[in-house]
Amino acid sequence: MREEYLQEAAAIIDDPNILVNVVSRRVKQLRAGNRPLVESLERLSPEDIALREIIEGKISYEPPTEEELAKRS
């Protein structure tokens, strides 16, 4: 995993736990055959692709609302 991608993505999703969860879910999707949402001239690992997708705004995270949290209880 490239450190510069990780730092840029961490500036967008500042909670490290959430960042790890978003990246790991996307990596699972990529390994299952989903196509990358970003193009690259070089060969990137699934982790780097997921981080690039976050950096370029192709995938994001929205925290649950109070109402959604109340429904889970």
C-alpha atoms as a PDB file:
ATOM      1  CA  MET A   1       0.000   0.000   0.000  1.00  0.00           C
ATOM      2  CA  ARG A   2       1.423   3.347  -0.988  1.00  0.00           C
ATOM      3  CA  GLU A   3       1.975   5.715   1.897  1.00  0.00           C
ATOM      4  CA  GLU A   4       1.079   8.821  -0.116  1.00  0.00           C
ATOM      5  CA  TYR A   5      -2.289   7.311  -1.116  1.00  0.00           C
ATOM      6  CA  LEU A   6      -2.962   6.357   2.485  1.00  0.00           C
ATOM      7  CA  GLN A   7      -2.198   9.873   3.720  1.00  0.00           C
ATOM      8  CA  GLU A   8      -4.386  11.509   1.063  1.00  0.00           C
ATOM      9  CA  ALA A   9      -7.297   9.156   1.776  1.00  0.00           C
ATOM     10  CA  ALA A  10      -6.894   9.722   5.536  1.00  0.00           C
ATOM     11  CA  ALA A  11      -7.375  13.443   4.918  1.00  0.00           C
ATOM     12  CA  ILE A  12     -10.761  12.634   3.360  1.00  0.00           C
ATOM     13  CA  ILE A  13     -11.938   9.935   5.799  1.00  0.00           C
ATOM     14  CA  ASP A  14     -10.268  11.048   9.004  1.00  0.00           C
ATOM     15  CA  ASP A  15     -11.373   8.169  11.268  1.00  0.00           C
ATOM     16  CA  PRO A  16      -8.791   5.388  10.761  1.00  0.00           C
ATOM     17  CA  ASN A  17     -11.253   2.636  11.706  1.00  0.00           C
ATOM     18  CA  ILE A  18     -13.774   3.802   9.123  1.00  0.00           C
ATOM     19  CA  LEU A  19     -11.050   4.202   6.489  1.00  0.00           C
ATOM     20  CA  VAL A  20      -9.889   0.624   7.060  1.00  0.00           C
ATOM     21  CA  ASN A  21     -13.465  -0.663   6.804  1.00  0.00           C
ATOM     22  CA  VAL A  22     -14.202   1.267   3.588  1.00  0.00           C
ATOM     23  CA  VAL A  23     -10.956   0.120   1.968  1.00  0.00           C
ATOM     24  CA  SER A  24     -11.385  -3.516   3.035  1.00  0.00           C
ATOM     25  CA  ARG A  25     -14.957  -3.680   1.721  1.00  0.00           C
ATOM     26  CA  ARG A  26     -13.895  -2.199  -1.596  1.00  0.00           C
ATOM     27  CA  VAL A  27     -10.900  -4.572  -1.841  1.00  0.00           C
ATOM     28  CA  LYS A  28     -13.268  -7.523  -1.361  1.00  0.00           C
ATOM     29  CA  GLN A  29     -15.453  -6.184  -4.168  1.00  0.00           C
ATOM     30  CA  LEU A  30     -12.455  -5.724  -6.466  1.00  0.00           C
ATOM     31  CA  ARG A  31     -11.158  -9.220  -5.749  1.00  0.00           C
ATOM     32  CA  ALA A  32     -14.634 -10.608  -6.456  1.00  0.00           C
ATOM     33  CA  GLY A  33     -14.410  -9.162  -9.966  1.00  0.00           C
ATOM     34  CA  ASN A  34     -15.851  -5.649  -9.712  1.00  0.00           C
ATOM     35  CA  ARG A  35     -14.187  -3.195 -12.058  1.00  0.00           C
ATOM     36  CA  PRO A  36     -12.065  -0.336 -10.701  1.00  0.00           C
ATOM     37  CA  LEU A  37     -13.671   3.104 -10.796  1.00  0.00           C
ATOM     38  CA  VAL A  38     -10.325   4.762 -11.574  1.00  0.00           C
ATOM     39  CA  GLU A  39      -7.917   4.274 -14.442  1.00  0.00           C
ATOM     40  CA  SER A  40      -4.199   3.883 -14.045  1.00  0.00           C
ATOM     41  CA  LEU A  41      -1.349   3.382 -16.467  1.00  0.00           C
ATOM     42  CA  GLU A  42       0.505   1.342 -13.877  1.00  0.00           C
ATOM     43  CA  ARG A  43      -0.530  -1.883 -12.172  1.00  0.00           C
ATOM     44  CA  LEU A  44      -1.957  -1.095  -8.730  1.00  0.00           C
ATOM     45  CA  SER A  45      -2.850  -3.428  -5.881  1.00  0.00           C
ATOM     46  CA  PRO A  46      -6.543  -3.640  -4.932  1.00  0.00           C
ATOM     47  CA  GLU A  47      -5.737  -1.645  -1.783  1.00  0.00           C
ATOM     48  CA  ASP A  48      -4.152   1.158  -3.797  1.00  0.00           C
ATOM     49  CA  ILE A  49      -7.084   1.168  -6.216  1.00  0.00           C
ATOM     50  CA  ALA A  50      -9.522   1.522  -3.288  1.00  0.00           C
ATOM     51  CA  LEU A  51      -7.484   4.396  -1.835  1.00  0.00           C
ATOM     52  CA  ARG A  52      -7.330   6.132  -5.242  1.00  0.00           C
ATOM     53  CA  GLU A  53     -11.106   5.752  -5.559  1.00  0.00           C
ATOM     54  CA  ILE A  54     -11.522   7.519  -2.202  1.00  0.00           C
ATOM     55  CA  ILE A  55      -9.036  10.251  -3.159  1.00  0.00           C
ATOM     56  CA  GLU A  56     -10.755  10.886  -6.491  1.00  0.00           C
ATOM     57  CA  GLY A  57     -14.214  10.971  -4.895  1.00  0.00           C
ATOM     58  CA  LYS A  58     -15.462   7.826  -6.644  1.00  0.00           C
ATOM     59  CA  ILE A  59     -16.417   6.189  -3.334  1.00  0.00           C
ATOM     60  CA  SER A  60     -17.186   7.834  -0.025  1.00  0.00           C
ATOM     61  CA  TYR A  61     -18.498   7.250   3.455  1.00  0.00           C
ATOM     62  CA  GLU A  62     -21.492   8.896   5.069  1.00  0.00           C
ATOM     63  CA  PRO A  63     -21.915   8.462   8.818  1.00  0.00           C
ATOM     64  CA  PRO A  64     -25.343   7.198   9.879  1.00  0.00           C
ATOM     65  CA  THR A  65     -27.876   9.804  10.985  1.00  0.00           C
ATOM     66  CA  GLU A  66     -29.300   9.886  14.490  1.00  0.00           C
ATOM     67  CA  GLU A  67     -32.513   8.411  13.102  1.00  0.00           C
ATOM     68  CA  GLU A  68     -30.669   5.469  11.522  1.00  0.00           C
ATOM     69  CA  LEU A  69     -28.794   4.833  14.741  1.00  0.00           C
ATOM     70  CA  ALA A  70     -32.063   4.866  16.716  1.00  0.00           C
ATOM     71  CA  LYS A  71     -33.545   2.232  14.380  1.00  0.00           C
ATOM     72  CA  ARG A  72     -30.643  -0.117  15.122  1.00  0.00           C
ATOM     73  CA  SER A  73     -31.286  -0.067  18.854  1.00  0.00           C
END
